[in-house]
């Protein structure tokens, strides 16, 4: 079973809400893809949560789009913001991204988001969502969700 954002939200509504808030706090985030030689590429990216999906939109023939066409694995980190507070914690999403070829689906996204034309659009399937934050100025807390399982919580001092 492929896990999209709606499946994650259904399984872990509070965790999904927190992750959406972190991504919603800033416009630009960091996407990691794999280059042809297997080395990582990090680039800025805007993301959207619409209709139960986490969407990745990109300029035509951008290197990150070409990377994802070749190898769909990605990691996405929410912009931590200024300073060291990371209000709400650090959130990362990993998974696979698949290009949307259906003209109607792409047009529906375009009507709602109004990206510059032309554009690549990728739908995501999640393999992991991680949140790291500080609790009581004493503990480093790591929440890890993977499809089909409960959130694991690790506390470190």
C-alpha atoms as a PDB file:
ATOM      1  CA  UNK A   1       0.000   0.000   0.000  1.00  0.00           C
ATOM      2  CA  UNK A   2       1.319   3.440  -0.937  1.00  0.00           C
ATOM      3  CA  UNK A   3       1.008   6.035   1.816  1.00  0.00           C
ATOM      4  CA  UNK A   4       0.153   9.527   0.671  1.00  0.00           C
ATOM      5  CA  UNK A   5      -0.335  12.518   2.955  1.00  0.00           C
ATOM      6  CA  UNK A   6      -4.020  11.719   3.547  1.00  0.00           C
ATOM      7  CA  UNK A   7      -3.112   8.224   4.799  1.00  0.00           C
ATOM      8  CA  UNK A   8      -0.490   9.703   7.125  1.00  0.00           C
ATOM      9  CA  UNK A   9      -2.992  12.312   8.389  1.00  0.00           C
ATOM     10  CA  UNK A  10      -5.587   9.587   9.018  1.00  0.00           C
ATOM     11  CA  UNK A  11      -3.068   7.466  10.929  1.00  0.00           C
ATOM     12  CA  UNK A  12      -1.445  10.317  12.897  1.00  0.00           C
ATOM     13  CA  UNK A  13      -3.630  13.466  12.743  1.00  0.00           C
ATOM     14  CA  UNK A  14      -1.773  15.515  15.377  1.00  0.00           C
ATOM     15  CA  UNK A  15       1.652  14.709  13.971  1.00  0.00           C
ATOM     16  CA  UNK A  16       0.452  15.550  10.430  1.00  0.00           C
ATOM     17  CA  UNK A  17      -1.033  18.846  11.650  1.00  0.00           C
ATOM     18  CA  UNK A  18       2.263  19.786  13.320  1.00  0.00           C
ATOM     19  CA  UNK A  19       4.211  18.918  10.169  1.00  0.00           C
ATOM     20  CA  UNK A  20       1.842  20.967   7.980  1.00  0.00           C
ATOM     21  CA  UNK A  21       2.189  23.940  10.343  1.00  0.00           C
ATOM     22  CA  UNK A  22       5.986  23.740  10.159  1.00  0.00           C
ATOM     23  CA  UNK A  23       5.914  23.672   6.354  1.00  0.00           C
ATOM     24  CA  UNK A  24       3.291  26.420   6.347  1.00  0.00           C
ATOM     25  CA  UNK A  25       5.411  28.753   8.481  1.00  0.00           C
ATOM     26  CA  UNK A  26       7.748  29.534   5.551  1.00  0.00           C
ATOM     27  CA  UNK A  27       7.499  29.434   1.771  1.00  0.00           C
ATOM     28  CA  UNK A  28      10.838  27.853   0.841  1.00  0.00           C
ATOM     29  CA  UNK A  29      12.131  24.508   2.076  1.00  0.00           C
ATOM     30  CA  UNK A  30      15.040  22.191   1.223  1.00  0.00           C
ATOM     31  CA  UNK A  31      14.631  19.206  -1.082  1.00  0.00           C
ATOM     32  CA  UNK A  32      17.285  16.505  -1.365  1.00  0.00           C
ATOM     33  CA  UNK A  33      17.353  14.343  -4.496  1.00  0.00           C
ATOM     34  CA  UNK A  34      19.910  11.945  -5.957  1.00  0.00           C
ATOM     35  CA  UNK A  35      22.128  12.940  -8.864  1.00  0.00           C
ATOM     36  CA  UNK A  36      22.925  10.531 -11.680  1.00  0.00           C
ATOM     37  CA  UNK A  37      26.149   9.501  -9.893  1.00  0.00           C
ATOM     38  CA  UNK A  38      24.242   8.836  -6.630  1.00  0.00           C
ATOM     39  CA  UNK A  39      25.519  11.868  -4.760  1.00  0.00           C
ATOM     40  CA  UNK A  40      22.969  14.119  -3.034  1.00  0.00           C
ATOM     41  CA  UNK A  41      21.634  17.352  -4.496  1.00  0.00           C
ATOM     42  CA  UNK A  42      19.909  19.893  -2.232  1.00  0.00           C
ATOM     43  CA  UNK A  43      17.777  22.685  -3.634  1.00  0.00           C
ATOM     44  CA  UNK A  44      15.099  25.093  -2.503  1.00  0.00           C
ATOM     45  CA  UNK A  45      11.470  24.221  -3.135  1.00  0.00           C
ATOM     46  CA  UNK A  46       7.924  25.338  -2.377  1.00  0.00           C
ATOM     47  CA  UNK A  47       5.490  22.589  -1.353  1.00  0.00           C
ATOM     48  CA  UNK A  48       1.706  22.345  -1.161  1.00  0.00           C
ATOM     49  CA  UNK A  49      -0.660  20.165   0.838  1.00  0.00           C
ATOM     50  CA  UNK A  50      -3.812  19.871  -1.295  1.00  0.00           C
ATOM     51  CA  UNK A  51      -6.536  17.257  -1.571  1.00  0.00           C
ATOM     52  CA  UNK A  52      -4.744  14.789   0.705  1.00  0.00           C
ATOM     53  CA  UNK A  53      -1.448  14.971  -1.154  1.00  0.00           C
ATOM     54  CA  UNK A  54       1.951  16.536  -0.560  1.00  0.00           C
ATOM     55  CA  UNK A  55       2.809  18.073  -3.947  1.00  0.00           C
ATOM     56  CA  UNK A  56       6.205  19.126  -5.271  1.00  0.00           C
ATOM     57  CA  UNK A  57       6.091  21.628  -8.124  1.00  0.00           C
ATOM     58  CA  UNK A  58       9.184  22.517 -10.175  1.00  0.00           C
ATOM     59  CA  UNK A  59      10.364  24.594 -13.095  1.00  0.00           C
ATOM     60  CA  UNK A  60      10.622  22.810 -16.453  1.00  0.00           C
ATOM     61  CA  UNK A  61      13.716  20.641 -16.826  1.00  0.00           C
ATOM     62  CA  UNK A  62      15.109  21.708 -13.450  1.00  0.00           C
ATOM     63  CA  UNK A  63      17.856  19.411 -12.202  1.00  0.00           C
ATOM     64  CA  UNK A  64      15.756  18.308  -9.221  1.00  0.00           C
ATOM     65  CA  UNK A  65      12.907  17.316 -11.580  1.00  0.00           C
ATOM     66  CA  UNK A  66      15.311  15.376 -13.779  1.00  0.00           C
ATOM     67  CA  UNK A  67      16.744  13.695 -10.660  1.00  0.00           C
ATOM     68  CA  UNK A  68      13.261  12.601  -9.526  1.00  0.00           C
ATOM     69  CA  UNK A  69      12.360  11.302 -12.975  1.00  0.00           C
ATOM     70  CA  UNK A  70      15.458   9.078 -12.831  1.00  0.00           C
ATOM     71  CA  UNK A  71      15.234   8.100  -9.148  1.00  0.00           C
ATOM     72  CA  UNK A  72      12.066   9.029  -7.220  1.00  0.00           C
ATOM     73  CA  UNK A  73      13.640   8.984  -3.749  1.00  0.00           C
ATOM     74  CA  UNK A  74      13.653  12.314  -1.921  1.00  0.00           C
ATOM     75  CA  UNK A  75      13.990  13.930   1.482  1.00  0.00           C
ATOM     76  CA  UNK A  76      12.333  17.242   2.282  1.00  0.00           C
ATOM     77  CA  UNK A  77      13.190  19.436   5.254  1.00  0.00           C
ATOM     78  CA  UNK A  78      10.959  22.230   6.489  1.00  0.00           C
ATOM     79  CA  UNK A  79      12.658  25.607   6.656  1.00  0.00           C
ATOM     80  CA  UNK A  80      13.767  25.951  10.295  1.00  0.00           C
ATOM     81  CA  UNK A  81      13.427  29.741  10.246  1.00  0.00           C
ATOM     82  CA  UNK A  82      15.688  32.363  11.731  1.00  0.00           C
ATOM     83  CA  UNK A  83      17.815  31.918  14.824  1.00  0.00           C
ATOM     84  CA  UNK A  84      17.954  28.760  16.847  1.00  0.00           C
ATOM     85  CA  UNK A  85      14.419  28.444  18.185  1.00  0.00           C
ATOM     86  CA  UNK A  86      13.011  26.195  15.408  1.00  0.00           C
ATOM     87  CA  UNK A  87       9.513  26.970  16.678  1.00  0.00           C
ATOM     88  CA  UNK A  88       7.622  23.699  16.440  1.00  0.00           C
ATOM     89  CA  UNK A  89      10.748  21.659  15.809  1.00  0.00           C
ATOM     90  CA  UNK A  90      12.582  20.362  12.790  1.00  0.00           C
ATOM     91  CA  UNK A  91      10.390  18.355  10.392  1.00  0.00           C
ATOM     92  CA  UNK A  92      11.623  16.075   7.622  1.00  0.00           C
ATOM     93  CA  UNK A  93       9.653  13.972   5.151  1.00  0.00           C
ATOM     94  CA  UNK A  94      11.149  11.161   3.077  1.00  0.00           C
ATOM     95  CA  UNK A  95       9.625   9.124   0.318  1.00  0.00           C
ATOM     96  CA  UNK A  96       9.259   8.739  -3.413  1.00  0.00           C
ATOM     97  CA  UNK A  97       7.958  11.361  -5.852  1.00  0.00           C
ATOM     98  CA  UNK A  98       6.184  10.471  -9.079  1.00  0.00           C
ATOM     99  CA  UNK A  99       5.553  12.908 -11.891  1.00  0.00           C
ATOM    100  CA  UNK A 100       1.928  13.686 -12.646  1.00  0.00           C
ATOM    101  CA  UNK A 101       1.289  13.110 -16.342  1.00  0.00           C
ATOM    102  CA  UNK A 102      -2.515  13.375 -16.285  1.00  0.00           C
ATOM    103  CA  UNK A 103      -3.399  16.743 -17.890  1.00  0.00           C
ATOM    104  CA  UNK A 104      -6.626  17.097 -15.876  1.00  0.00           C
ATOM    105  CA  UNK A 105      -4.900  16.511 -12.522  1.00  0.00           C
ATOM    106  CA  UNK A 106      -2.115  18.889 -13.455  1.00  0.00           C
ATOM    107  CA  UNK A 107      -4.624  21.519 -14.631  1.00  0.00           C
ATOM    108  CA  UNK A 108      -6.585  21.233 -11.366  1.00  0.00           C
ATOM    109  CA  UNK A 109      -3.390  21.815  -9.396  1.00  0.00           C
ATOM    110  CA  UNK A 110      -2.500  24.741 -11.668  1.00  0.00           C
ATOM    111  CA  UNK A 111      -5.903  26.375 -11.162  1.00  0.00           C
ATOM    112  CA  UNK A 112      -5.533  26.233  -7.398  1.00  0.00           C
ATOM    113  CA  UNK A 113      -1.840  27.117  -7.055  1.00  0.00           C
ATOM    114  CA  UNK A 114      -1.267  29.193 -10.211  1.00  0.00           C
ATOM    115  CA  UNK A 115       2.386  28.217 -10.744  1.00  0.00           C
ATOM    116  CA  UNK A 116       4.380  29.696 -13.631  1.00  0.00           C
ATOM    117  CA  UNK A 117       3.755  27.655 -16.776  1.00  0.00           C
ATOM    118  CA  UNK A 118       5.058  25.216 -17.820  1.00  0.00           C
ATOM    119  CA  UNK A 119       5.924  23.210 -14.704  1.00  0.00           C
ATOM    120  CA  UNK A 120       6.650  19.706 -13.438  1.00  0.00           C
ATOM    121  CA  UNK A 121       4.327  18.328 -10.770  1.00  0.00           C
ATOM    122  CA  UNK A 122       5.180  15.398  -8.517  1.00  0.00           C
ATOM    123  CA  UNK A 123       2.871  13.443  -6.208  1.00  0.00           C
ATOM    124  CA  UNK A 124       4.558  11.929  -3.158  1.00  0.00           C
ATOM    125  CA  UNK A 125       4.435   8.591  -1.388  1.00  0.00           C
ATOM    126  CA  UNK A 126       5.778   8.722   2.147  1.00  0.00           C
ATOM    127  CA  UNK A 127       8.314   6.378   3.686  1.00  0.00           C
ATOM    128  CA  UNK A 128       9.074   8.406   6.836  1.00  0.00           C
ATOM    129  CA  UNK A 129       8.141  11.595   8.696  1.00  0.00           C
ATOM    130  CA  UNK A 130      10.449  12.796  11.473  1.00  0.00           C
ATOM    131  CA  UNK A 131      10.109  15.662  13.935  1.00  0.00           C
ATOM    132  CA  UNK A 132      12.917  16.700  16.262  1.00  0.00           C
ATOM    133  CA  UNK A 133      12.363  19.256  19.019  1.00  0.00           C
ATOM    134  CA  UNK A 134      13.538  20.285  22.471  1.00  0.00           C
ATOM    135  CA  UNK A 135      11.274  19.629  25.433  1.00  0.00           C
ATOM    136  CA  UNK A 136      11.569  21.487  28.754  1.00  0.00           C
ATOM    137  CA  UNK A 137      14.984  22.828  27.654  1.00  0.00           C
ATOM    138  CA  UNK A 138      16.317  19.448  28.754  1.00  0.00           C
ATOM    139  CA  UNK A 139      15.331  16.695  26.323  1.00  0.00           C
ATOM    140  CA  UNK A 140      15.905  16.259  22.633  1.00  0.00           C
ATOM    141  CA  UNK A 141      12.766  14.487  21.410  1.00  0.00           C
ATOM    142  CA  UNK A 142      12.615  12.641  18.099  1.00  0.00           C
ATOM    143  CA  UNK A 143       9.276  11.440  16.734  1.00  0.00           C
ATOM    144  CA  UNK A 144       9.508   8.957  13.863  1.00  0.00           C
ATOM    145  CA  UNK A 145       6.581   7.695  11.793  1.00  0.00           C
ATOM    146  CA  UNK A 146       6.805   5.046   9.100  1.00  0.00           C
ATOM    147  CA  UNK A 147       3.892   3.572   7.147  1.00  0.00           C
ATOM    148  CA  UNK A 148       1.879   0.934   8.955  1.00  0.00           C
ATOM    149  CA  UNK A 149       3.320   1.600  12.399  1.00  0.00           C
ATOM    150  CA  UNK A 150       2.795   3.900  15.351  1.00  0.00           C
ATOM    151  CA  UNK A 151       4.922   6.960  16.006  1.00  0.00           C
ATOM    152  CA  UNK A 152       8.111   6.030  17.827  1.00  0.00           C
ATOM    153  CA  UNK A 153       9.338   8.604  20.352  1.00  0.00           C
ATOM    154  CA  UNK A 154      12.971   8.802  21.403  1.00  0.00           C
ATOM    155  CA  UNK A 155      14.051  11.145  24.224  1.00  0.00           C
ATOM    156  CA  UNK A 156      17.682  12.045  24.826  1.00  0.00           C
ATOM    157  CA  UNK A 157      19.253  14.270  27.447  1.00  0.00           C
END
